[in-house]
Amino acid sequence: MAAKREKSFQFVVIGGGIAGVTCVEELFTQVPSADVALVTAGPHIKAVTNFRQVSRTVEEFDVEERPSRVLQEKFPALTVIHSAVKALHARDHSVETEDGGVFGYEKLCICSGGRPKLLIQDNPYVVGIRDTDSAQEFQKRLSKARRIVVVGNGGIALELVYEVEGCEVIWAVKDKAVGNTFFDAGAAQFLIPSLEAAKPQEAALCKRPRYTTEEPGGVQTFTADRNSHKHGGWTNPGSALGPDWHQGIVLRGAEQVTRRVSVEYQCEVEKICTPEELLPSAEQTLKPDTVGSWPVYIQLTNGKAFGCDVIVSAIGVVPNTHPFLPGNSFALAEDGGLQVNDHMLTSEPDVYAAGDVCTACWEASPLWHQMRLWTQARQMGCYAARCMAAGVLSKAVELDFCFELFSHQTRFFNYKVVLLGKFNAQGLGSDHELLVRCTKGREYVKVVLSGGRMVGAVLIGETDLEETFENLILNQMDLTPYGEELLNPNIDIEDYFD
């Protein structure tokens, strides 16, 4: 039974990341007189800034890390509770915090994000990079490193191998191509030369610093809502990295080299060991002079072994549901996320969830799928707030249009990247065809067609095709008559279809 509650609120939101903060902001938009509490362990929250609606579904924004008081100044009725959650008593409609507080709610939204998967727990040479603290720790470790091994093929790994300088990088990926989460082998081949070329100098004039090491009160920039790494265990929530997290942070090793990246394809980690634990079979794959000269060794399933100073675990996240499950009966998805319906409601009454912690379990549009990205954290947080407000105001609310078509805009290897719909032909089997246009060093355009209709696209570079392709995907126009002319660079396709 829960302890005696201190106070009850109309709405309680757990998590100070993108999903949680967006949820709070939208609650006050929907119900200006709302009584809202935000429960967050850290002193900072993540705020969406410079938001721009590029097209109907494509959006662009920055994420700033700010003191929570900035949110309180914007919404004086907001109560911020600085503590981690110890337990949720769903039957009792109350939340218990680590510092002993108990708070009642009418409607609750869990936006606790995800926590990183680590290759191995409590190994001093293995680091996960998911949040502000761990990025700063990695920066310190990297400054003394001659060689690092990056394991993983997602967004953090892609950004990291491109940004690190002054250090040899061994990149171990389990797939046949890099960036498998975001694009196909063709796009990967287009991007790989960027790893071999000198990194272009960023124009400092127009770039706002995206990462600082200021004391609380300074502005920092990151995204979403996951957990922070403290002394080998994941404890107090710290918000995750997001767009351009590496801007303004020096990712330089101890060597004079600019950048030297070697990719090991189709392999996973077999063993991480000290020099003493190195197997004779692994020693045979190392250069004789390197045996015993590194603090840690990594053996891969392709039979190769490498000595290094740091191993970066960038193998994804798992939904951070831990404090909410005991004593409750949440339905969980196969990936461990809290199941939510098309109103962002979990299986527990009056408990909603948004962002990385939840898994969309409604019958999705054939052109949308869930990926744990900062864009979806913002969209889910906003929509969850509208559903919570509708519940209190007894209003109907329809599924947001953003769930009609998957869209995501980001940057990899200094190229603008836009992903639309079934961009990797997800779930289409052999029932699709691809059209590709590639100009080396400038752009890579791929469209996915099914039954003569466009169902997905990958746009790398300044193509300016996102709005046109978005319309073609949403309209489901039969493109059979156009054939390969659809990507003819001599035809102004935007004017043609507008």
Protein backbone atom coordinates (compact mmCIF):
# COMPACT_ATOMS: atom_id res chain seq x y z
CA MET A 1 0.00 0.00 0.00
CA ALA A 2 1.29 3.47 -0.87
CA ALA A 3 2.28 5.87 1.88
CA LYS A 4 0.16 8.93 2.65
CA ARG A 5 0.20 11.29 -0.33
CA GLU A 6 1.50 14.83 0.03
CA LYS A 7 -0.49 16.39 -2.80
CA SER A 8 -2.64 15.41 -5.77
CA PHE A 9 -2.45 16.88 -9.25
CA GLN A 10 -4.75 16.81 -12.25
CA PHE A 11 -1.85 15.74 -14.48
CA VAL A 12 1.51 14.20 -13.55
CA VAL A 13 4.24 13.73 -16.20
CA ILE A 14 7.33 11.61 -15.46
CA GLY A 15 10.52 12.48 -17.36
CA GLY A 16 12.25 15.75 -18.28
CA GLY A 17 13.22 14.75 -21.81
CA ILE A 18 11.64 15.70 -25.12
CA ALA A 19 8.50 13.57 -24.70
CA GLY A 20 7.85 14.72 -21.12
CA VAL A 21 8.53 18.42 -21.65
CA THR A 22 6.49 18.51 -24.87
CA CYS A 23 3.66 16.77 -23.00
CA VAL A 24 3.74 19.42 -20.24
CA GLU A 25 3.76 22.29 -22.75
CA GLU A 26 0.83 20.85 -24.72
CA LEU A 27 -1.18 20.18 -21.54
CA PHE A 28 -1.06 23.89 -20.71
CA THR A 29 -2.02 24.73 -24.30
CA GLN A 30 -5.04 22.42 -24.10
CA VAL A 31 -6.01 23.25 -20.49
CA PRO A 32 -4.49 26.66 -19.52
CA SER A 33 -5.75 26.30 -15.94
CA ALA A 34 -4.31 22.77 -15.59
CA ASP A 35 -2.69 21.63 -12.35
CA VAL A 36 0.45 19.86 -13.66
CA ALA A 37 3.46 18.27 -11.95
CA LEU A 38 6.64 17.22 -13.77
CA VAL A 39 8.70 14.56 -11.99
CA THR A 40 12.33 14.58 -13.12
CA ALA A 41 15.51 13.43 -11.39
CA GLY A 42 17.90 15.88 -13.06
CA PRO A 43 18.11 19.67 -12.62
CA HIS A 44 17.74 20.21 -16.38
CA ILE A 45 14.98 19.57 -18.89
CA LYS A 46 15.08 19.27 -22.68
CA ALA A 47 13.26 21.93 -24.69
CA VAL A 48 12.43 21.99 -28.40
CA THR A 49 13.64 25.24 -30.00
CA ASN A 50 13.74 26.68 -33.53
CA PHE A 51 10.91 24.38 -34.57
CA ARG A 52 10.13 24.44 -38.29
CA GLN A 53 7.47 22.46 -40.13
CA VAL A 54 9.35 21.57 -43.34
CA SER A 55 6.32 19.85 -44.90
CA ARG A 56 3.11 18.18 -43.68
CA THR A 57 5.01 15.50 -41.75
CA VAL A 58 8.72 16.48 -41.94
CA GLU A 59 9.89 18.71 -39.11
CA GLU A 60 13.16 20.25 -38.05
CA PHE A 61 14.14 21.52 -34.61
CA ASP A 62 16.97 22.02 -32.16
CA VAL A 63 16.95 20.65 -28.63
CA GLU A 64 18.31 22.69 -25.74
CA GLU A 65 19.12 21.54 -22.25
CA ARG A 66 17.87 24.18 -19.82
CA PRO A 67 17.34 24.54 -16.07
CA SER A 68 13.84 23.37 -15.09
CA ARG A 69 13.08 26.84 -13.71
CA VAL A 70 12.85 28.07 -17.34
CA LEU A 71 9.80 25.82 -17.76
CA GLN A 72 8.37 27.01 -14.44
CA GLU A 73 8.80 30.65 -15.50
CA LYS A 74 6.89 29.89 -18.71
CA PHE A 75 4.13 28.04 -16.82
CA PRO A 76 3.80 29.41 -13.25
CA ALA A 77 1.16 26.77 -12.40
CA LEU A 78 3.67 23.97 -13.05
CA THR A 79 5.17 22.09 -10.09
CA VAL A 80 8.56 20.47 -10.75
CA ILE A 81 9.43 17.58 -8.43
CA HIS A 82 13.18 16.90 -8.51
CA SER A 83 13.44 13.23 -7.69
CA ALA A 84 13.61 9.85 -9.40
CA VAL A 85 10.52 7.64 -9.26
CA LYS A 86 10.69 4.80 -6.74
CA ALA A 87 7.30 3.20 -7.45
CA LEU A 88 4.00 3.66 -9.23
CA HIS A 89 0.79 2.64 -7.44
CA ALA A 90 -1.58 2.54 -10.40
CA ARG A 91 -4.57 1.25 -8.40
CA ASP A 92 -4.10 4.03 -5.89
CA HIS A 93 -3.42 6.64 -8.63
CA SER A 94 -0.20 7.77 -6.95
CA VAL A 95 3.53 8.03 -7.63
CA GLU A 96 6.19 7.49 -4.96
CA THR A 97 9.54 9.26 -5.37
CA GLU A 98 12.99 8.24 -4.15
CA ASP A 99 13.05 11.10 -1.63
CA GLY A 100 9.92 9.75 0.07
CA GLY A 101 7.27 11.92 -1.57
CA VAL A 102 3.89 10.48 -2.66
CA PHE A 103 1.84 12.37 -5.24
CA GLY A 104 -1.64 11.59 -6.49
CA TYR A 105 -2.80 12.07 -10.08
CA GLU A 106 -5.95 12.11 -12.14
CA LYS A 107 -4.03 11.35 -15.37
CA LEU A 108 -0.39 10.21 -15.55
CA CYS A 109 2.01 10.15 -18.49
CA ILE A 110 5.20 8.06 -18.30
CA CYS A 111 7.97 9.57 -20.46
CA SER A 112 10.98 7.90 -18.84
CA GLY A 113 12.68 7.07 -22.15
CA GLY A 114 15.12 4.22 -22.62
CA ARG A 115 18.39 3.10 -21.09
CA PRO A 116 21.36 2.04 -23.19
CA LYS A 117 22.26 -1.59 -23.70
CA LEU A 118 25.84 -2.13 -22.59
CA LEU A 119 28.04 -4.86 -24.07
CA ILE A 120 29.19 -5.70 -20.58
CA GLN A 121 28.37 -4.19 -17.19
CA ASP A 122 30.96 -2.68 -14.84
CA ASN A 123 33.94 -2.83 -17.19
CA PRO A 124 36.00 0.38 -16.81
CA TYR A 125 37.04 0.30 -20.48
CA VAL A 126 33.50 0.01 -21.90
CA VAL A 127 31.48 3.24 -22.18
CA GLY A 128 27.96 3.87 -23.41
CA ILE A 129 27.20 7.27 -24.91
CA ARG A 130 23.58 8.22 -24.40
CA ASP A 131 23.44 11.41 -22.35
CA THR A 132 25.27 14.58 -21.30
CA ASP A 133 27.29 12.99 -18.49
CA SER A 134 28.46 10.01 -20.51
CA ALA A 135 29.42 12.23 -23.48
CA GLN A 136 31.61 14.34 -21.19
CA GLU A 137 33.16 11.21 -19.67
CA PHE A 138 33.87 9.85 -23.15
CA GLN A 139 35.47 13.16 -24.16
CA LYS A 140 37.92 12.83 -21.24
CA ARG A 141 38.75 9.21 -22.04
CA LEU A 142 39.15 9.92 -25.75
CA SER A 143 41.68 12.71 -25.14
CA LYS A 144 44.20 10.08 -23.94
CA ALA A 145 43.27 7.36 -26.45
CA ARG A 146 45.34 6.08 -29.37
CA ARG A 147 42.70 3.65 -30.60
CA ILE A 148 39.03 3.09 -29.82
CA VAL A 149 36.62 0.37 -30.92
CA VAL A 150 33.03 1.45 -31.68
CA VAL A 151 30.45 -1.34 -31.58
CA GLY A 152 27.04 -0.60 -33.09
CA ASN A 153 25.40 0.59 -36.28
CA GLY A 154 22.80 3.15 -35.17
CA GLY A 155 22.71 6.93 -35.05
CA ILE A 156 25.24 7.45 -32.23
CA ALA A 157 27.78 5.12 -33.89
CA LEU A 158 27.35 6.85 -37.27
CA GLU A 159 27.92 10.28 -35.77
CA LEU A 160 30.80 9.16 -33.57
CA VAL A 161 32.99 7.53 -36.22
CA TYR A 162 32.65 10.63 -38.39
CA GLU A 163 33.39 13.16 -35.64
CA VAL A 164 36.32 11.51 -33.80
CA GLU A 165 39.77 12.78 -34.83
CA GLY A 166 43.31 12.21 -33.57
CA CYS A 167 42.67 8.54 -32.95
CA GLU A 168 42.39 5.26 -34.82
CA VAL A 169 38.81 3.96 -34.91
CA ILE A 170 37.84 0.30 -35.40
CA TRP A 171 34.12 0.16 -36.20
CA ALA A 172 32.43 -3.22 -35.66
CA VAL A 173 29.01 -3.56 -37.30
CA LYS A 174 26.82 -6.67 -37.37
CA ASP A 175 25.41 -5.88 -40.82
CA LYS A 176 26.74 -6.00 -44.38
CA ALA A 177 26.70 -2.19 -44.58
CA VAL A 178 26.97 0.78 -42.22
CA GLY A 179 23.88 2.67 -41.08
CA ASN A 180 21.59 -0.32 -41.58
CA THR A 181 19.00 1.22 -39.25
CA PHE A 182 18.58 4.25 -41.48
CA PHE A 183 19.46 3.32 -45.06
CA ASP A 184 20.44 0.59 -47.51
CA ALA A 185 23.83 -0.62 -48.77
CA GLY A 186 23.72 1.81 -51.71
CA ALA A 187 23.38 4.83 -49.44
CA ALA A 188 26.11 3.40 -47.19
CA GLN A 189 28.48 3.19 -50.19
CA PHE A 190 27.63 6.81 -51.03
CA LEU A 191 28.57 7.92 -47.50
CA ILE A 192 31.69 5.78 -46.89
CA PRO A 193 34.07 8.08 -48.88
CA SER A 194 33.25 10.82 -46.35
CA LEU A 195 35.09 8.76 -43.71
CA GLU A 196 38.23 8.80 -45.84
CA ALA A 197 38.12 12.51 -46.75
CA ALA A 198 39.14 15.38 -44.49
CA LYS A 199 36.23 16.64 -42.45
CA PRO A 200 34.98 20.00 -43.79
CA GLN A 201 35.44 22.94 -41.44
CA GLU A 202 32.12 24.07 -40.03
CA ALA A 203 31.26 27.73 -40.48
CA ALA A 204 31.51 28.91 -36.88
CA LEU A 205 29.55 32.13 -37.48
CA CYS A 206 26.12 30.60 -37.95
CA LYS A 207 26.45 27.73 -35.47
CA ARG A 208 25.11 28.14 -31.99
CA PRO A 209 27.18 26.06 -29.54
CA ARG A 210 25.25 22.82 -29.05
CA TYR A 211 27.15 21.44 -26.09
CA THR A 212 28.83 23.19 -23.21
CA THR A 213 30.37 22.15 -19.94
CA GLU A 214 28.87 25.10 -18.08
CA GLU A 215 27.47 24.86 -14.59
CA PRO A 216 23.68 24.51 -14.23
CA GLY A 217 22.10 27.60 -15.71
CA GLY A 218 24.05 27.42 -18.96
CA VAL A 219 22.42 26.34 -22.18
CA GLN A 220 23.24 22.92 -23.58
CA THR A 221 21.73 21.08 -26.51
CA PHE A 222 20.54 17.47 -26.71
CA THR A 223 17.39 15.33 -27.02
CA ALA A 224 14.74 12.86 -25.86
CA ASP A 225 14.60 11.10 -22.54
CA ARG A 226 16.82 8.28 -21.34
CA ASN A 227 19.08 7.40 -18.40
CA SER A 228 22.48 8.45 -17.17
CA HIS A 229 25.43 6.25 -16.30
CA LYS A 230 26.73 6.52 -12.76
CA HIS A 231 29.55 4.33 -11.45
CA GLY A 232 28.79 1.36 -13.69
CA GLY A 233 25.01 1.31 -13.10
CA TRP A 234 22.15 3.19 -14.72
CA THR A 235 20.55 5.20 -11.97
CA ASN A 236 19.21 8.75 -12.13
CA PRO A 237 17.58 9.62 -15.43
CA GLY A 238 19.61 11.93 -17.68
CA SER A 239 18.22 12.95 -21.03
CA ALA A 240 19.63 11.33 -24.12
CA LEU A 241 21.73 12.73 -26.90
CA GLY A 242 19.99 13.97 -29.97
CA PRO A 243 20.50 16.10 -33.06
CA ASP A 244 24.00 17.56 -33.40
CA TRP A 245 25.06 16.42 -29.90
CA HIS A 246 28.70 16.58 -30.98
CA GLN A 247 28.60 20.28 -31.95
CA GLY A 248 30.97 22.21 -29.71
CA ILE A 249 32.44 19.14 -27.96
CA VAL A 250 36.04 18.30 -28.84
CA LEU A 251 36.21 14.65 -29.90
CA ARG A 252 39.97 14.35 -30.31
CA GLY A 253 42.29 11.53 -29.33
CA ALA A 254 45.96 11.57 -28.35
CA GLU A 255 47.47 10.98 -31.83
CA GLN A 256 48.36 13.44 -34.58
CA VAL A 257 46.31 11.63 -37.25
CA THR A 258 43.17 13.40 -38.44
CA ARG A 259 40.89 10.42 -38.91
CA ARG A 260 41.54 6.74 -39.55
CA VAL A 261 38.47 4.48 -39.58
CA SER A 262 38.49 0.73 -40.33
CA VAL A 263 35.14 -1.03 -40.64
CA GLU A 264 34.72 -4.68 -39.62
CA TYR A 265 31.50 -5.92 -41.25
CA GLN A 266 29.13 -8.74 -40.25
CA CYS A 267 30.62 -9.38 -36.84
CA GLU A 268 29.69 -9.10 -33.20
CA VAL A 269 31.62 -9.08 -29.94
CA GLU A 270 32.74 -12.50 -28.77
CA LYS A 271 34.81 -11.47 -25.76
CA ILE A 272 36.21 -8.41 -24.01
CA CYS A 273 39.30 -9.20 -21.96
CA THR A 274 42.42 -7.93 -20.24
CA PRO A 275 45.91 -8.68 -21.67
CA GLU A 276 46.18 -11.60 -19.22
CA GLU A 277 42.90 -13.15 -20.41
CA LEU A 278 43.77 -12.96 -24.11
CA LEU A 279 43.43 -16.37 -25.74
CA PRO A 280 46.36 -17.78 -27.76
CA SER A 281 44.04 -18.00 -30.81
CA ALA A 282 43.29 -14.27 -30.50
CA GLU A 283 46.98 -13.41 -30.04
CA GLN A 284 47.68 -14.92 -33.45
CA THR A 285 45.50 -12.27 -35.11
CA LEU A 286 47.33 -9.40 -33.39
CA LYS A 287 50.59 -7.85 -34.49
CA PRO A 288 53.35 -9.31 -32.23
CA ASP A 289 54.32 -5.91 -30.87
CA THR A 290 50.74 -5.14 -29.78
CA VAL A 291 50.23 -8.11 -27.47
CA GLY A 292 50.13 -6.73 -23.93
CA SER A 293 50.50 -3.11 -25.03
CA TRP A 294 46.81 -2.20 -24.69
CA PRO A 295 44.72 -2.03 -21.49
CA VAL A 296 41.81 -3.93 -23.06
CA TYR A 297 41.26 -6.33 -25.96
CA ILE A 298 38.14 -7.13 -27.95
CA GLN A 299 37.64 -10.38 -29.84
CA LEU A 300 35.11 -10.35 -32.70
CA THR A 301 33.13 -13.24 -34.18
CA ASN A 302 35.00 -12.81 -37.49
CA GLY A 303 38.11 -14.20 -35.78
CA LYS A 304 39.88 -10.85 -35.43
CA ALA A 305 41.07 -9.29 -32.18
CA PHE A 306 42.04 -5.67 -31.46
CA GLY A 307 43.74 -3.96 -28.56
CA CYS A 308 42.42 -0.49 -27.69
CA ASP A 309 42.09 2.15 -24.99
CA VAL A 310 38.30 2.47 -24.98
CA ILE A 311 35.38 0.37 -26.27
CA VAL A 312 32.24 2.36 -27.11
CA SER A 313 28.99 0.44 -26.75
CA ALA A 314 26.46 1.99 -29.17
CA ILE A 315 24.10 -0.96 -29.61
CA GLY A 316 20.80 0.73 -28.86
CA VAL A 317 18.45 1.21 -25.93
CA VAL A 318 15.81 -0.70 -24.03
CA PRO A 319 12.62 0.97 -22.72
CA ASN A 320 13.13 2.25 -19.18
CA THR A 321 10.13 0.62 -17.52
CA HIS A 322 11.89 -0.66 -14.39
CA PRO A 323 10.34 1.50 -11.60
CA PHE A 324 6.78 1.19 -12.94
CA LEU A 325 6.26 -2.57 -13.27
CA PRO A 326 6.32 -3.98 -9.68
CA GLY A 327 2.82 -4.19 -8.23
CA ASN A 328 1.12 -3.16 -11.48
CA SER A 329 -0.17 -5.12 -14.47
CA PHE A 330 1.18 -3.30 -17.52
CA ALA A 331 0.96 -5.09 -20.85
CA LEU A 332 4.45 -5.11 -22.37
CA ALA A 333 5.37 -5.35 -26.05
CA GLU A 334 7.97 -7.82 -27.35
CA ASP A 335 10.65 -5.11 -27.23
CA GLY A 336 9.92 -4.47 -23.54
CA GLY A 337 8.06 -1.20 -24.07
CA LEU A 338 4.77 -0.29 -22.39
CA GLN A 339 2.00 -1.15 -24.85
CA VAL A 340 -0.04 1.93 -25.79
CA ASN A 341 -3.22 2.16 -27.86
CA ASP A 342 -4.14 4.84 -30.40
CA HIS A 343 -4.78 7.28 -27.54
CA MET A 344 -1.35 6.63 -25.96
CA LEU A 345 -3.08 4.80 -23.09
CA THR A 346 -1.34 1.87 -21.40
CA SER A 347 -3.21 -1.13 -20.02
CA GLU A 348 -3.48 0.59 -16.62
CA PRO A 349 -6.41 3.05 -16.24
CA ASP A 350 -5.50 6.75 -16.64
CA VAL A 351 -1.82 5.91 -17.28
CA TYR A 352 -0.46 7.14 -20.62
CA ALA A 353 3.05 6.76 -22.04
CA ALA A 354 5.05 8.53 -24.75
CA GLY A 355 8.52 8.39 -26.30
CA ASP A 356 11.13 5.65 -26.00
CA VAL A 357 9.47 3.92 -23.03
CA CYS A 358 6.37 2.93 -25.00
CA THR A 359 5.54 0.75 -27.99
CA ALA A 360 2.75 1.72 -30.38
CA CYS A 361 0.35 -1.25 -30.45
CA TRP A 362 -2.48 0.16 -32.53
CA GLU A 363 -3.11 -0.85 -36.14
CA ALA A 364 -0.64 1.53 -37.74
CA SER A 365 -0.91 3.23 -41.12
CA PRO A 366 0.87 1.10 -43.77
CA LEU A 367 3.27 4.01 -44.28
CA TRP A 368 4.21 4.58 -40.62
CA HIS A 369 6.33 2.58 -38.19
CA GLN A 370 7.83 3.34 -34.81
CA MET A 371 11.52 4.17 -34.40
CA ARG A 372 12.92 5.48 -31.15
CA LEU A 373 13.91 8.91 -32.45
CA TRP A 374 13.64 12.42 -31.01
CA THR A 375 11.07 13.40 -33.67
CA GLN A 376 8.71 10.67 -32.52
CA ALA A 377 9.36 11.50 -28.85
CA ARG A 378 8.13 15.05 -29.55
CA GLN A 379 5.13 13.89 -31.58
CA MET A 380 4.08 11.26 -29.05
CA GLY A 381 4.46 13.64 -26.10
CA CYS A 382 2.31 16.24 -27.83
CA TYR A 383 -0.38 13.76 -28.86
CA ALA A 384 -0.45 12.09 -25.41
CA ALA A 385 -1.14 15.50 -23.83
CA ARG A 386 -4.04 16.10 -26.21
CA CYS A 387 -5.46 12.67 -25.34
CA MET A 388 -5.06 13.31 -21.59
CA ALA A 389 -6.76 16.71 -21.89
CA ALA A 390 -9.57 15.23 -24.01
CA GLY A 391 -10.13 12.62 -21.29
CA VAL A 392 -10.55 15.32 -18.64
CA LEU A 393 -12.65 17.62 -20.87
CA SER A 394 -14.77 14.71 -22.24
CA LYS A 395 -13.82 15.56 -25.80
CA ALA A 396 -13.07 13.25 -28.72
CA VAL A 397 -9.60 13.27 -30.25
CA GLU A 398 -8.49 11.70 -33.55
CA LEU A 399 -5.14 10.02 -34.18
CA ASP A 400 -2.64 12.72 -35.12
CA PHE A 401 -1.75 13.11 -38.80
CA CYS A 402 1.95 12.66 -37.96
CA PHE A 403 1.20 8.93 -37.58
CA GLU A 404 0.03 8.67 -41.20
CA LEU A 405 3.54 8.74 -42.68
CA PHE A 406 6.92 7.99 -41.12
CA SER A 407 9.29 10.92 -41.61
CA HIS A 408 12.62 11.87 -40.08
CA GLN A 409 15.17 14.54 -40.93
CA THR A 410 18.72 14.43 -39.56
CA ARG A 411 22.38 14.77 -40.63
CA PHE A 412 24.98 12.04 -41.14
CA PHE A 413 28.57 12.56 -42.32
CA ASN A 414 27.71 16.25 -42.87
CA TYR A 415 24.90 15.42 -45.31
CA LYS A 416 21.23 16.29 -44.78
CA VAL A 417 19.26 13.02 -44.60
CA VAL A 418 15.47 12.74 -45.02
CA LEU A 419 13.69 9.39 -44.57
CA LEU A 420 10.07 8.93 -45.67
CA GLY A 421 7.59 6.05 -45.32
CA LYS A 422 8.93 2.53 -45.88
CA PHE A 423 12.34 3.99 -46.74
CA ASN A 424 14.05 0.61 -46.47
CA ALA A 425 11.11 -1.33 -47.97
CA GLN A 426 10.24 -2.49 -44.43
CA GLY A 427 7.72 -5.33 -44.50
CA LEU A 428 7.31 -5.31 -48.29
CA GLY A 429 9.14 -8.59 -48.97
CA SER A 430 9.90 -8.94 -52.67
CA ASP A 431 6.84 -6.92 -53.69
CA HIS A 432 8.68 -3.70 -54.48
CA GLU A 433 11.10 -2.03 -56.86
CA LEU A 434 13.73 0.63 -56.26
CA LEU A 435 14.72 3.65 -58.33
CA VAL A 436 18.07 5.22 -57.45
CA ARG A 437 19.87 8.38 -58.53
CA CYS A 438 23.35 9.02 -57.22
CA THR A 439 25.76 11.89 -57.85
CA LYS A 440 29.03 11.10 -56.08
CA GLY A 441 29.81 13.53 -53.29
CA ARG A 442 26.57 15.45 -53.82
CA GLU A 443 23.33 13.49 -53.50
CA TYR A 444 21.77 10.05 -53.18
CA VAL A 445 18.08 9.65 -53.99
CA LYS A 446 16.21 6.36 -53.64
CA VAL A 447 12.48 5.78 -53.99
CA VAL A 448 10.63 2.60 -53.05
CA LEU A 449 7.71 1.68 -55.32
CA SER A 450 5.08 -0.97 -54.64
CA GLY A 451 2.41 -1.68 -57.22
CA GLY A 452 3.57 1.38 -59.15
CA ARG A 453 3.01 3.68 -56.17
CA MET A 454 5.67 5.39 -54.08
CA VAL A 455 5.76 4.06 -50.52
CA GLY A 456 9.15 5.28 -49.27
CA ALA A 457 12.20 7.41 -50.03
CA VAL A 458 15.74 8.12 -48.83
CA LEU A 459 17.10 11.58 -49.67
CA ILE A 460 20.74 12.36 -48.87
CA GLY A 461 22.13 15.79 -49.70
CA GLU A 462 20.35 19.05 -50.59
CA THR A 463 17.82 17.41 -52.92
CA ASP A 464 14.79 19.63 -52.07
CA LEU A 465 12.57 16.68 -53.02
CA GLU A 466 11.09 15.90 -49.59
CA GLU A 467 7.81 17.81 -50.02
CA THR A 468 7.17 16.48 -53.54
CA PHE A 469 7.92 12.89 -52.55
CA GLU A 470 5.88 13.21 -49.36
CA ASN A 471 2.87 14.28 -51.47
CA LEU A 472 3.40 11.42 -53.92
CA ILE A 473 3.53 8.91 -51.05
CA LEU A 474 0.45 10.33 -49.31
CA ASN A 475 -1.56 10.67 -52.55
CA GLN A 476 -0.64 7.13 -53.69
CA MET A 477 -0.66 8.28 -57.31
CA ASP A 478 0.09 5.58 -59.91
CA LEU A 479 3.58 6.42 -61.18
CA THR A 480 3.89 3.52 -63.63
CA PRO A 481 3.66 5.79 -66.72
CA TYR A 482 6.74 7.74 -65.61
CA GLY A 483 9.08 4.77 -65.09
CA GLU A 484 12.70 5.72 -64.52
CA GLU A 485 12.00 9.26 -65.75
CA LEU A 486 10.74 9.90 -62.23
CA LEU A 487 14.35 10.47 -61.15
CA ASN A 488 15.64 12.07 -64.35
CA PRO A 489 17.78 14.98 -63.13
CA ASN A 490 16.88 16.97 -66.26
CA ILE A 491 13.19 16.99 -65.32
CA ASP A 492 12.05 19.44 -62.66
CA ILE A 493 9.92 16.93 -60.80
CA GLU A 494 8.73 19.47 -58.17
CA ASP A 495 7.09 21.67 -60.83
CA TYR A 496 5.80 18.64 -62.74
CA PHE A 497 3.79 17.22 -59.83
CA ASP A 498 2.90 20.53 -58.17
